[in-house]
C-alpha cells in the first residue's frame, strides 16, 4: 500500500507518527543534561536495532515481492487496517502523554539526568515504561495498517529493542533510586499495569 491515494487508515497512521515525532523533536530541547549513561557499545546495538526496526516497519519496496507480500487475507485487510490505525493513534497518544509527564528527564538513550527525580505520576503510576507501552501498541497497529511482512518484521525488531531497553532502564533506576524505586517497582508493572 502506498500513502498517496491509499486507504485513509494509512494516512491517519502516518499523520499520527509524524505528529508524535515532531513533538518528540520539539520537546527534546527542554531536557536536563545527562549525568550518566550506559556504555557506548550498548547504545550502538540499541540504535541499530531500533533504526532497523523503523526502516522495516515503514519502508515499502514494491519491487521486492516477499518484502511487500500481505500477511493478512484480502477480506481482513480493511477491518484490521482500520483497527491497526486505531491502535497506532491510541498508542502514540499514550506515548506523547508519557513523554509530557516525564518532562525534562526524558532521554533518547538509557541515562540518568542531572537532579533526576523518579517520575511516578500520570501514566507512570500504572507502568514504569508507558512510553514503550505506547510505542509497542503503535508498532503493532502500524504493522496491521500496512498488512505486509515488512511491517511485522519491523514491529518484532522494535518490540525486541523496547523491551530490552525497559529492562536496562529498570536496572539503571534501581541503582539510582534504591528503595524508592523498589517500592515503585512493587506497585507498578513494567509495560502493562499490575492487576
N, C-alpha and C. Protein backbone atom coordinates (compact mmCIF):
# COMPACT_ATOMS: atom_id res chain seq x y z
N UNK A 1 0.84 -1.19 0.00
CA UNK A 1 0.00 0.00 0.00
C UNK A 1 0.88 1.24 0.00
N UNK A 2 0.52 2.22 -0.75
CA UNK A 2 1.25 3.47 -0.64
C UNK A 2 0.33 4.50 -0.01
N UNK A 3 0.94 5.55 0.53
CA UNK A 3 0.16 6.54 1.26
C UNK A 3 -0.46 7.57 0.34
N UNK A 4 -0.07 7.65 -0.90
CA UNK A 4 -0.68 8.62 -1.81
C UNK A 4 -1.85 7.94 -2.50
N UNK A 5 -3.03 8.39 -2.18
CA UNK A 5 -4.22 7.81 -2.77
C UNK A 5 -4.60 6.47 -2.16
N UNK A 6 -3.91 6.06 -1.09
CA UNK A 6 -4.20 4.79 -0.42
C UNK A 6 -5.34 4.96 0.56
N UNK A 7 -5.62 3.90 1.29
CA UNK A 7 -6.71 3.94 2.27
C UNK A 7 -6.49 5.02 3.33
N UNK A 8 -7.56 5.57 3.82
CA UNK A 8 -7.49 6.66 4.79
C UNK A 8 -6.79 6.21 6.07
N UNK A 9 -6.91 4.93 6.43
CA UNK A 9 -6.27 4.48 7.68
C UNK A 9 -4.74 4.55 7.58
N UNK A 10 -4.20 4.42 6.37
CA UNK A 10 -2.75 4.59 6.20
C UNK A 10 -2.38 6.05 6.44
N UNK A 11 -3.14 6.97 5.87
CA UNK A 11 -2.88 8.39 6.03
C UNK A 11 -2.99 8.82 7.49
N UNK A 12 -4.02 8.34 8.17
CA UNK A 12 -4.21 8.67 9.59
C UNK A 12 -3.03 8.17 10.41
N UNK A 13 -2.61 6.95 10.15
CA UNK A 13 -1.49 6.37 10.89
C UNK A 13 -0.20 7.15 10.66
N UNK A 14 0.09 7.46 9.41
CA UNK A 14 1.32 8.20 9.11
C UNK A 14 1.27 9.61 9.71
N UNK A 15 0.11 10.24 9.69
CA UNK A 15 -0.03 11.57 10.30
C UNK A 15 0.21 11.50 11.81
N UNK A 16 -0.30 10.44 12.46
CA UNK A 16 -0.09 10.29 13.91
C UNK A 16 1.39 10.11 14.23
N UNK A 17 2.09 9.31 13.44
CA UNK A 17 3.54 9.14 13.65
C UNK A 17 4.27 10.46 13.43
N UNK A 18 3.88 11.21 12.42
CA UNK A 18 4.52 12.49 12.13
C UNK A 18 4.32 13.47 13.29
N UNK A 19 3.09 13.59 13.78
CA UNK A 19 2.81 14.50 14.90
C UNK A 19 3.61 14.09 16.13
N UNK A 20 3.61 12.80 16.44
CA UNK A 20 4.35 12.31 17.61
C UNK A 20 5.85 12.58 17.44
N UNK A 21 6.38 12.30 16.27
CA UNK A 21 7.81 12.54 16.02
C UNK A 21 8.17 14.01 16.15
N UNK A 22 7.35 14.89 15.60
CA UNK A 22 7.62 16.33 15.72
C UNK A 22 7.54 16.80 17.17
N UNK A 23 6.59 16.24 17.93
CA UNK A 23 6.50 16.58 19.35
C UNK A 23 7.78 16.16 20.09
N UNK A 24 8.27 14.96 19.81
CA UNK A 24 9.50 14.50 20.47
C UNK A 24 10.69 15.38 20.10
N UNK A 25 10.80 15.75 18.84
CA UNK A 25 11.90 16.61 18.41
C UNK A 25 11.82 17.97 19.10
N UNK A 26 10.64 18.57 19.10
CA UNK A 26 10.48 19.89 19.71
C UNK A 26 10.74 19.87 21.21
N UNK A 27 10.27 18.83 21.88
CA UNK A 27 10.41 18.78 23.34
C UNK A 27 11.79 18.32 23.79
N UNK A 28 12.59 17.80 22.88
CA UNK A 28 13.93 17.31 23.25
C UNK A 28 14.84 18.44 23.71
N UNK A 29 14.52 19.66 23.32
CA UNK A 29 15.37 20.80 23.67
C UNK A 29 15.17 21.27 25.11
N UNK A 30 14.16 20.77 25.78
CA UNK A 30 13.85 21.20 27.15
C UNK A 30 14.11 20.07 28.14
N UNK A 31 15.25 19.39 28.00
CA UNK A 31 15.58 18.30 28.92
C UNK A 31 16.82 18.65 29.73
N UNK A 32 16.95 17.97 30.86
CA UNK A 32 18.12 18.13 31.72
C UNK A 32 19.35 17.54 31.03
N UNK A 33 20.50 17.97 31.47
CA UNK A 33 21.75 17.39 30.96
C UNK A 33 21.92 15.98 31.51
N UNK A 34 22.62 15.17 30.76
CA UNK A 34 22.86 13.78 31.16
C UNK A 34 23.97 13.74 32.21
N UNK A 35 23.70 13.02 33.28
CA UNK A 35 24.69 12.82 34.35
C UNK A 35 25.50 11.55 34.09
N UNK A 36 24.80 10.47 33.73
CA UNK A 36 25.48 9.21 33.40
C UNK A 36 24.65 8.47 32.38
N UNK A 37 25.32 7.64 31.56
CA UNK A 37 24.62 6.89 30.52
C UNK A 37 25.25 5.53 30.37
N UNK A 38 24.51 4.63 29.71
CA UNK A 38 25.02 3.27 29.53
C UNK A 38 26.19 3.29 28.54
N UNK A 39 26.91 2.18 28.50
CA UNK A 39 28.11 2.07 27.67
C UNK A 39 27.82 2.31 26.19
N UNK A 40 28.81 2.85 25.50
CA UNK A 40 28.66 3.19 24.08
C UNK A 40 28.28 1.97 23.23
N UNK A 41 28.86 0.82 23.50
CA UNK A 41 28.55 -0.39 22.74
C UNK A 41 27.09 -0.79 22.87
N UNK A 42 26.55 -0.66 24.08
CA UNK A 42 25.14 -0.99 24.32
C UNK A 42 24.25 0.00 23.56
N UNK A 43 24.63 1.28 23.58
CA UNK A 43 23.85 2.30 22.86
C UNK A 43 23.89 2.04 21.36
N UNK A 44 25.03 1.61 20.83
CA UNK A 44 25.15 1.36 19.39
C UNK A 44 24.26 0.19 18.97
N UNK A 45 24.28 -0.90 19.75
CA UNK A 45 23.41 -2.05 19.44
C UNK A 45 21.94 -1.64 19.49
N UNK A 46 21.59 -0.87 20.51
CA UNK A 46 20.22 -0.40 20.68
C UNK A 46 19.80 0.47 19.49
N UNK A 47 20.65 1.39 19.10
CA UNK A 47 20.33 2.29 17.98
C UNK A 47 20.17 1.53 16.67
N UNK A 48 21.03 0.56 16.42
CA UNK A 48 20.92 -0.22 15.19
C UNK A 48 19.63 -1.04 15.14
N UNK A 49 19.29 -1.66 16.26
CA UNK A 49 18.07 -2.46 16.33
C UNK A 49 16.83 -1.58 16.11
N UNK A 50 16.79 -0.43 16.78
CA UNK A 50 15.62 0.44 16.66
C UNK A 50 15.55 1.09 15.27
N UNK A 51 16.67 1.55 14.76
CA UNK A 51 16.67 2.14 13.42
C UNK A 51 16.25 1.09 12.39
N UNK A 52 16.81 -0.10 12.49
CA UNK A 52 16.43 -1.18 11.58
C UNK A 52 14.95 -1.51 11.69
N UNK A 53 14.43 -1.51 12.90
CA UNK A 53 13.01 -1.79 13.11
C UNK A 53 12.13 -0.75 12.45
N UNK A 54 12.49 0.51 12.60
CA UNK A 54 11.69 1.57 11.95
C UNK A 54 11.78 1.49 10.43
N UNK A 55 12.95 1.16 9.90
CA UNK A 55 13.09 1.01 8.45
C UNK A 55 12.19 -0.12 7.96
N UNK A 56 12.25 -1.27 8.61
CA UNK A 56 11.40 -2.39 8.21
C UNK A 56 9.92 -2.05 8.37
N UNK A 57 9.57 -1.34 9.44
CA UNK A 57 8.17 -1.01 9.68
C UNK A 57 7.59 -0.11 8.59
N UNK A 58 8.35 0.91 8.18
CA UNK A 58 7.79 1.94 7.30
C UNK A 58 8.19 1.86 5.83
N UNK A 59 9.35 1.32 5.53
CA UNK A 59 9.83 1.37 4.14
C UNK A 59 9.20 0.24 3.33
N UNK A 60 8.53 0.64 2.28
CA UNK A 60 7.87 -0.32 1.40
C UNK A 60 8.66 -0.42 0.10
N UNK A 61 8.96 -1.62 -0.29
CA UNK A 61 9.71 -1.87 -1.52
C UNK A 61 8.86 -2.75 -2.43
N UNK A 62 7.98 -2.14 -3.21
CA UNK A 62 7.09 -2.95 -4.07
C UNK A 62 7.86 -3.86 -5.03
N UNK A 63 9.08 -3.49 -5.40
CA UNK A 63 9.85 -4.31 -6.34
C UNK A 63 10.33 -5.61 -5.69
N UNK A 64 10.37 -5.65 -4.36
CA UNK A 64 10.80 -6.86 -3.64
C UNK A 64 9.53 -7.55 -3.15
N UNK A 65 9.13 -8.59 -3.86
CA UNK A 65 7.82 -9.19 -3.64
C UNK A 65 7.61 -9.71 -2.21
N UNK A 66 8.57 -10.45 -1.68
CA UNK A 66 8.40 -11.00 -0.33
C UNK A 66 8.27 -9.88 0.70
N UNK A 67 9.02 -8.81 0.52
CA UNK A 67 9.03 -7.68 1.44
C UNK A 67 7.62 -7.10 1.60
N UNK A 68 6.95 -6.93 0.49
CA UNK A 68 5.64 -6.27 0.49
C UNK A 68 4.46 -7.24 0.43
N UNK A 69 4.73 -8.54 0.50
CA UNK A 69 3.65 -9.53 0.41
C UNK A 69 2.73 -9.39 1.62
N UNK A 70 1.42 -9.35 1.40
CA UNK A 70 0.48 -9.24 2.53
C UNK A 70 0.52 -10.50 3.40
N UNK A 71 0.40 -10.30 4.70
CA UNK A 71 0.29 -11.45 5.61
C UNK A 71 -1.17 -11.65 6.03
N UNK A 72 -2.03 -10.69 5.66
CA UNK A 72 -3.44 -10.79 6.01
C UNK A 72 -4.25 -11.24 4.80
N UNK A 73 -5.26 -12.09 5.00
CA UNK A 73 -6.16 -12.42 3.89
C UNK A 73 -6.84 -11.15 3.38
N UNK A 74 -7.15 -11.11 2.10
CA UNK A 74 -7.72 -9.92 1.47
C UNK A 74 -8.96 -9.41 2.20
N UNK A 75 -9.82 -10.29 2.67
CA UNK A 75 -11.05 -9.88 3.34
C UNK A 75 -10.84 -9.25 4.70
N UNK A 76 -9.67 -9.45 5.29
CA UNK A 76 -9.39 -8.89 6.61
C UNK A 76 -8.53 -7.62 6.56
N UNK A 77 -7.99 -7.28 5.40
CA UNK A 77 -7.07 -6.14 5.32
C UNK A 77 -7.73 -4.83 5.73
N UNK A 78 -8.92 -4.57 5.25
CA UNK A 78 -9.59 -3.30 5.60
C UNK A 78 -9.97 -3.25 7.08
N UNK A 79 -10.70 -4.24 7.62
CA UNK A 79 -11.07 -4.11 9.04
C UNK A 79 -9.86 -4.11 9.97
N UNK A 80 -8.85 -4.94 9.67
CA UNK A 80 -7.67 -4.95 10.53
C UNK A 80 -6.80 -3.72 10.29
N UNK A 81 -6.84 -3.16 9.08
CA UNK A 81 -6.14 -1.90 8.83
C UNK A 81 -6.74 -0.76 9.63
N UNK A 82 -8.06 -0.72 9.70
CA UNK A 82 -8.75 0.31 10.49
C UNK A 82 -8.46 0.11 11.98
N UNK A 83 -8.52 -1.15 12.44
CA UNK A 83 -8.20 -1.44 13.84
C UNK A 83 -6.74 -1.08 14.13
N UNK A 84 -5.85 -1.36 13.18
CA UNK A 84 -4.44 -1.01 13.35
C UNK A 84 -4.24 0.49 13.46
N UNK A 85 -4.96 1.26 12.65
CA UNK A 85 -4.86 2.72 12.73
C UNK A 85 -5.31 3.21 14.10
N UNK A 86 -6.39 2.62 14.61
CA UNK A 86 -6.86 2.99 15.95
C UNK A 86 -5.81 2.67 17.00
N UNK A 87 -5.21 1.48 16.91
CA UNK A 87 -4.14 1.11 17.85
C UNK A 87 -2.96 2.08 17.75
N UNK A 88 -2.58 2.43 16.54
CA UNK A 88 -1.45 3.34 16.35
C UNK A 88 -1.74 4.71 16.97
N UNK A 89 -2.94 5.24 16.72
CA UNK A 89 -3.29 6.56 17.25
C UNK A 89 -3.36 6.53 18.78
N UNK A 90 -3.99 5.50 19.34
CA UNK A 90 -4.08 5.37 20.80
C UNK A 90 -2.68 5.18 21.39
N UNK A 91 -1.87 4.30 20.79
CA UNK A 91 -0.52 4.06 21.30
C UNK A 91 0.36 5.30 21.25
N UNK A 92 0.29 6.04 20.16
CA UNK A 92 1.12 7.24 20.04
C UNK A 92 0.61 8.35 20.96
N UNK A 93 -0.69 8.43 21.18
CA UNK A 93 -1.23 9.39 22.14
C UNK A 93 -0.74 9.07 23.55
N UNK A 94 -0.74 7.80 23.90
CA UNK A 94 -0.25 7.36 25.21
C UNK A 94 1.25 7.66 25.33
N UNK A 95 1.98 7.44 24.24
CA UNK A 95 3.42 7.74 24.22
C UNK A 95 3.66 9.23 24.47
N UNK A 96 2.91 10.08 23.81
CA UNK A 96 3.09 11.53 23.99
C UNK A 96 2.71 11.96 25.40
N UNK A 97 1.67 11.36 25.97
CA UNK A 97 1.30 11.65 27.35
C UNK A 97 2.44 11.26 28.29
N UNK A 98 3.02 10.09 28.06
CA UNK A 98 4.14 9.64 28.89
C UNK A 98 5.33 10.59 28.74
N UNK A 99 5.61 11.01 27.51
CA UNK A 99 6.73 11.93 27.26
C UNK A 99 6.50 13.26 27.96
N UNK A 100 5.28 13.78 27.89
CA UNK A 100 4.96 15.05 28.55
C UNK A 100 5.09 14.92 30.06
N UNK A 101 4.66 13.79 30.61
CA UNK A 101 4.76 13.56 32.05
C UNK A 101 6.21 13.44 32.48
N UNK A 102 7.03 12.78 31.69
CA UNK A 102 8.45 12.61 32.02
C UNK A 102 9.18 13.95 31.95
N UNK A 103 8.74 14.82 31.08
CA UNK A 103 9.30 16.17 31.01
C UNK A 103 10.79 16.21 30.77
N UNK A 104 11.47 16.97 31.59
CA UNK A 104 12.91 17.22 31.39
C UNK A 104 13.80 16.01 31.68
N UNK A 105 13.21 14.93 32.21
CA UNK A 105 14.00 13.74 32.50
C UNK A 105 14.03 12.74 31.35
N UNK A 106 13.35 13.04 30.25
CA UNK A 106 13.38 12.15 29.09
C UNK A 106 14.76 12.17 28.45
N UNK A 107 15.16 11.01 27.91
CA UNK A 107 16.40 10.92 27.16
C UNK A 107 16.20 9.93 26.02
N UNK A 108 16.85 10.18 24.93
CA UNK A 108 16.81 9.29 23.76
C UNK A 108 17.53 7.98 24.06
N UNK A 109 18.43 8.00 25.03
CA UNK A 109 19.21 6.83 25.41
C UNK A 109 18.93 6.48 26.87
N UNK A 110 19.39 5.32 27.30
CA UNK A 110 19.25 4.94 28.70
C UNK A 110 20.26 5.77 29.49
N UNK A 111 19.74 6.67 30.34
CA UNK A 111 20.61 7.62 31.04
C UNK A 111 19.94 8.12 32.31
N UNK A 112 20.77 8.68 33.19
CA UNK A 112 20.30 9.39 34.37
C UNK A 112 20.61 10.86 34.12
N UNK A 113 19.64 11.71 34.37
CA UNK A 113 19.80 13.15 34.15
C UNK A 113 20.31 13.83 35.42
N UNK A 114 20.84 15.03 35.28
CA UNK A 114 21.23 15.82 36.44
C UNK A 114 19.98 16.11 37.26
N UNK A 115 20.10 16.01 38.58
CA UNK A 115 18.97 16.26 39.50
C UNK A 115 17.76 15.39 39.17
N UNK A 116 18.02 14.17 38.73
CA UNK A 116 16.95 13.26 38.29
C UNK A 116 16.02 12.93 39.46
N UNK A 117 14.73 13.02 39.19
CA UNK A 117 13.70 12.62 40.13
C UNK A 117 12.94 11.43 39.53
N UNK A 118 12.49 10.54 40.38
CA UNK A 118 11.71 9.39 39.93
C UNK A 118 10.29 9.85 39.64
N UNK A 119 9.86 9.72 38.40
CA UNK A 119 8.52 10.15 37.99
C UNK A 119 7.55 8.99 38.18
N UNK A 120 6.50 9.22 38.98
CA UNK A 120 5.50 8.18 39.26
C UNK A 120 4.08 8.70 39.09
N UNK A 121 3.93 9.78 38.35
CA UNK A 121 2.59 10.35 38.12
C UNK A 121 2.15 10.09 36.69
N UNK A 122 0.93 10.53 36.36
CA UNK A 122 0.40 10.31 35.01
C UNK A 122 0.39 8.82 34.71
N UNK A 123 0.76 8.44 33.49
CA UNK A 123 0.74 7.01 33.16
C UNK A 123 1.79 6.21 33.92
N UNK A 124 2.78 6.90 34.49
CA UNK A 124 3.82 6.22 35.27
C UNK A 124 3.29 5.67 36.58
N UNK A 125 2.11 6.07 37.00
CA UNK A 125 1.54 5.49 38.22
C UNK A 125 1.14 4.04 38.01
N UNK A 126 0.91 3.64 36.75
CA UNK A 126 0.48 2.27 36.45
C UNK A 126 1.60 1.40 35.88
N UNK A 127 2.42 1.99 35.01
CA UNK A 127 3.51 1.23 34.39
C UNK A 127 4.79 2.07 34.44
N UNK A 128 5.92 1.38 34.56
CA UNK A 128 7.20 2.08 34.67
C UNK A 128 7.69 2.59 33.31
N UNK A 129 7.20 2.01 32.23
CA UNK A 129 7.67 2.40 30.90
C UNK A 129 6.50 2.64 29.94
N UNK A 130 5.63 3.60 30.27
CA UNK A 130 4.46 3.82 29.42
C UNK A 130 4.83 4.32 28.02
N UNK A 131 5.95 4.96 27.90
CA UNK A 131 6.41 5.40 26.58
C UNK A 131 6.55 4.17 25.67
N UNK A 132 7.18 3.14 26.19
CA UNK A 132 7.36 1.91 25.39
C UNK A 132 6.04 1.17 25.22
N UNK A 133 5.19 1.19 26.24
CA UNK A 133 3.87 0.57 26.10
C UNK A 133 3.13 1.18 24.91
N UNK A 134 3.15 2.50 24.83
CA UNK A 134 2.51 3.19 23.72
C UNK A 134 3.15 2.86 22.39
N UNK A 135 4.49 2.83 22.36
CA UNK A 135 5.18 2.52 21.10
C UNK A 135 4.97 1.07 20.68
N UNK A 136 4.92 0.15 21.62
CA UNK A 136 4.64 -1.25 21.28
C UNK A 136 3.25 -1.37 20.66
N UNK A 137 2.29 -0.68 21.25
CA UNK A 137 0.92 -0.68 20.72
C UNK A 137 0.89 -0.06 19.32
N UNK A 138 1.58 1.07 19.16
CA UNK A 138 1.58 1.77 17.87
C UNK A 138 2.28 0.97 16.78
N UNK A 139 3.37 0.28 17.12
CA UNK A 139 4.07 -0.50 16.09
C UNK A 139 3.24 -1.71 15.66
N UNK A 140 2.55 -2.34 16.59
CA UNK A 140 1.66 -3.44 16.22
C UNK A 140 0.54 -2.91 15.31
N UNK A 141 -0.06 -1.78 15.70
CA UNK A 141 -1.09 -1.19 14.88
C UNK A 141 -0.61 -0.82 13.49
N UNK A 142 0.61 -0.27 13.41
CA UNK A 142 1.16 0.12 12.12
C UNK A 142 1.43 -1.09 11.24
N UNK A 143 1.90 -2.17 11.84
CA UNK A 143 2.10 -3.40 11.07
C UNK A 143 0.77 -3.89 10.48
N UNK A 144 -0.31 -3.77 11.25
CA UNK A 144 -1.63 -4.16 10.74
C UNK A 144 -2.10 -3.21 9.63
N UNK A 145 -1.78 -1.94 9.77
CA UNK A 145 -2.17 -0.96 8.75
C UNK A 145 -1.54 -1.31 7.41
N UNK A 146 -0.24 -1.60 7.42
CA UNK A 146 0.42 -1.93 6.15
C UNK A 146 0.07 -3.34 5.71
N UNK A 147 -0.15 -4.23 6.67
CA UNK A 147 -0.57 -5.58 6.34
C UNK A 147 0.44 -6.40 5.56
N UNK A 148 1.71 -5.97 5.54
CA UNK A 148 2.75 -6.66 4.78
C UNK A 148 3.82 -7.18 5.74
N UNK A 149 4.56 -8.17 5.26
CA UNK A 149 5.57 -8.83 6.11
C UNK A 149 6.61 -7.86 6.63
N UNK A 150 6.97 -6.85 5.86
CA UNK A 150 7.99 -5.90 6.34
C UNK A 150 7.53 -5.23 7.63
N UNK A 151 6.23 -4.96 7.75
CA UNK A 151 5.73 -4.35 8.96
C UNK A 151 5.83 -5.25 10.17
N UNK A 152 5.55 -6.53 9.98
CA UNK A 152 5.69 -7.48 11.10
C UNK A 152 7.13 -7.63 11.54
N UNK A 153 8.04 -7.70 10.58
CA UNK A 153 9.46 -7.81 10.92
C UNK A 153 9.91 -6.56 11.67
N UNK A 154 9.52 -5.39 11.18
CA UNK A 154 9.87 -4.14 11.85
C UNK A 154 9.31 -4.07 13.25
N UNK A 155 8.04 -4.44 13.42
CA UNK A 155 7.43 -4.43 14.74
C UNK A 155 8.15 -5.38 15.69
N UNK A 156 8.52 -6.56 15.21
CA UNK A 156 9.25 -7.53 16.06
C UNK A 156 10.60 -6.96 16.49
N UNK A 157 11.30 -6.31 15.57
CA UNK A 157 12.60 -5.71 15.93
C UNK A 157 12.41 -4.60 16.97
N UNK A 158 11.39 -3.77 16.77
CA UNK A 158 11.14 -2.68 17.71
C UNK A 158 10.71 -3.21 19.07
N UNK A 159 9.87 -4.24 19.08
CA UNK A 159 9.47 -4.84 20.35
C UNK A 159 10.70 -5.36 21.10
N UNK A 160 11.58 -6.03 20.38
CA UNK A 160 12.81 -6.55 21.00
C UNK A 160 13.61 -5.40 21.60
N UNK A 161 13.77 -4.33 20.85
CA UNK A 161 14.53 -3.18 21.32
C UNK A 161 13.89 -2.49 22.51
N UNK A 162 12.59 -2.23 22.45
CA UNK A 162 11.93 -1.51 23.54
C UNK A 162 11.84 -2.35 24.81
N UNK A 163 11.58 -3.63 24.67
CA UNK A 163 11.51 -4.48 25.87
C UNK A 163 12.89 -4.61 26.51
N UNK A 164 13.92 -4.78 25.69
CA UNK A 164 15.29 -4.81 26.23
C UNK A 164 15.66 -3.51 26.92
N UNK A 165 15.29 -2.41 26.31
CA UNK A 165 15.59 -1.11 26.90
C UNK A 165 14.85 -0.93 28.23
N UNK A 166 13.61 -1.38 28.31
CA UNK A 166 12.85 -1.27 29.56
C UNK A 166 13.54 -2.03 30.68
N UNK A 167 14.07 -3.21 30.39
CA UNK A 167 14.80 -3.98 31.41
C UNK A 167 16.05 -3.22 31.86
N UNK A 168 16.79 -2.67 30.90
CA UNK A 168 18.02 -1.94 31.24
C UNK A 168 17.69 -0.66 32.02
N UNK A 169 16.62 0.01 31.66
CA UNK A 169 16.24 1.22 32.40
C UNK A 169 15.83 0.88 33.83
N UNK A 170 15.15 -0.24 34.02
CA UNK A 170 14.83 -0.67 35.39
C UNK A 170 16.10 -0.84 36.21
N UNK A 171 17.11 -1.46 35.63
CA UNK A 171 18.38 -1.67 36.35
C UNK A 171 19.04 -0.33 36.70
N UNK A 172 19.03 0.61 35.76
CA UNK A 172 19.63 1.93 36.00
C UNK A 172 18.86 2.68 37.08
N UNK A 173 17.53 2.65 37.00
CA UNK A 173 16.72 3.35 38.00
C UNK A 173 16.85 2.70 39.39
N UNK A 174 16.97 1.38 39.43
CA UNK A 174 17.16 0.70 40.72
C UNK A 174 18.47 1.13 41.36
N UNK A 175 19.53 1.25 40.56
CA UNK A 175 20.83 1.69 41.08
C UNK A 175 20.77 3.15 41.52
N UNK A 176 20.03 3.97 40.81
CA UNK A 176 19.96 5.40 41.11
C UNK A 176 19.07 5.71 42.31
N UNK A 177 17.92 5.03 42.40
CA UNK A 177 16.92 5.41 43.40
C UNK A 177 16.72 4.39 44.53
N UNK A 178 17.39 3.25 44.47
CA UNK A 178 17.38 2.27 45.56
C UNK A 178 15.99 1.89 46.04
N UNK A 179 15.74 2.11 47.34
CA UNK A 179 14.48 1.71 47.97
C UNK A 179 13.26 2.41 47.38
N UNK A 180 13.41 3.66 46.97
CA UNK A 180 12.29 4.38 46.37
C UNK A 180 11.84 3.67 45.08
N UNK A 181 12.83 3.23 44.27
CA UNK A 181 12.47 2.52 43.05
C UNK A 181 11.93 1.13 43.35
N UNK A 182 12.48 0.46 44.38
CA UNK A 182 12.00 -0.88 44.75
C UNK A 182 10.52 -0.82 45.14
N UNK A 183 10.12 0.22 45.88
CA UNK A 183 8.71 0.37 46.27
C UNK A 183 7.85 0.65 45.04
N UNK A 184 8.35 1.50 44.14
CA UNK A 184 7.63 1.81 42.91
C UNK A 184 7.49 0.57 42.04
N UNK A 185 8.56 -0.20 41.92
CA UNK A 185 8.54 -1.44 41.12
C UNK A 185 7.51 -2.42 41.68
N UNK A 186 7.38 -2.47 43.00
CA UNK A 186 6.45 -3.42 43.63
C UNK A 186 4.99 -3.08 43.33
N UNK A 187 4.69 -1.81 43.06
CA UNK A 187 3.30 -1.42 42.83
C UNK A 187 2.96 -1.12 41.38
N UNK A 188 3.94 -1.21 40.48
CA UNK A 188 3.69 -0.89 39.07
C UNK A 188 4.19 -2.03 38.18
N UNK A 189 3.59 -2.15 37.01
CA UNK A 189 4.06 -3.13 36.04
C UNK A 189 5.12 -2.52 35.15
N UNK A 190 5.90 -3.36 34.51
CA UNK A 190 6.93 -2.84 33.63
C UNK A 190 6.32 -2.20 32.39
N UNK A 191 5.47 -2.95 31.67
CA UNK A 191 4.87 -2.45 30.43
C UNK A 191 3.35 -2.49 30.44
N UNK A 192 2.77 -3.30 31.33
CA UNK A 192 1.32 -3.35 31.49
C UNK A 192 1.03 -3.21 32.99
N UNK A 193 -0.10 -2.61 33.34
CA UNK A 193 -0.42 -2.41 34.77
C UNK A 193 -0.53 -3.74 35.51
N UNK A 194 -0.15 -3.70 36.78
CA UNK A 194 -0.36 -4.85 37.65
C UNK A 194 -1.84 -4.96 37.98
N UNK A 195 -2.32 -6.17 38.06
CA UNK A 195 -3.74 -6.37 38.42
C UNK A 195 -3.87 -6.62 39.91
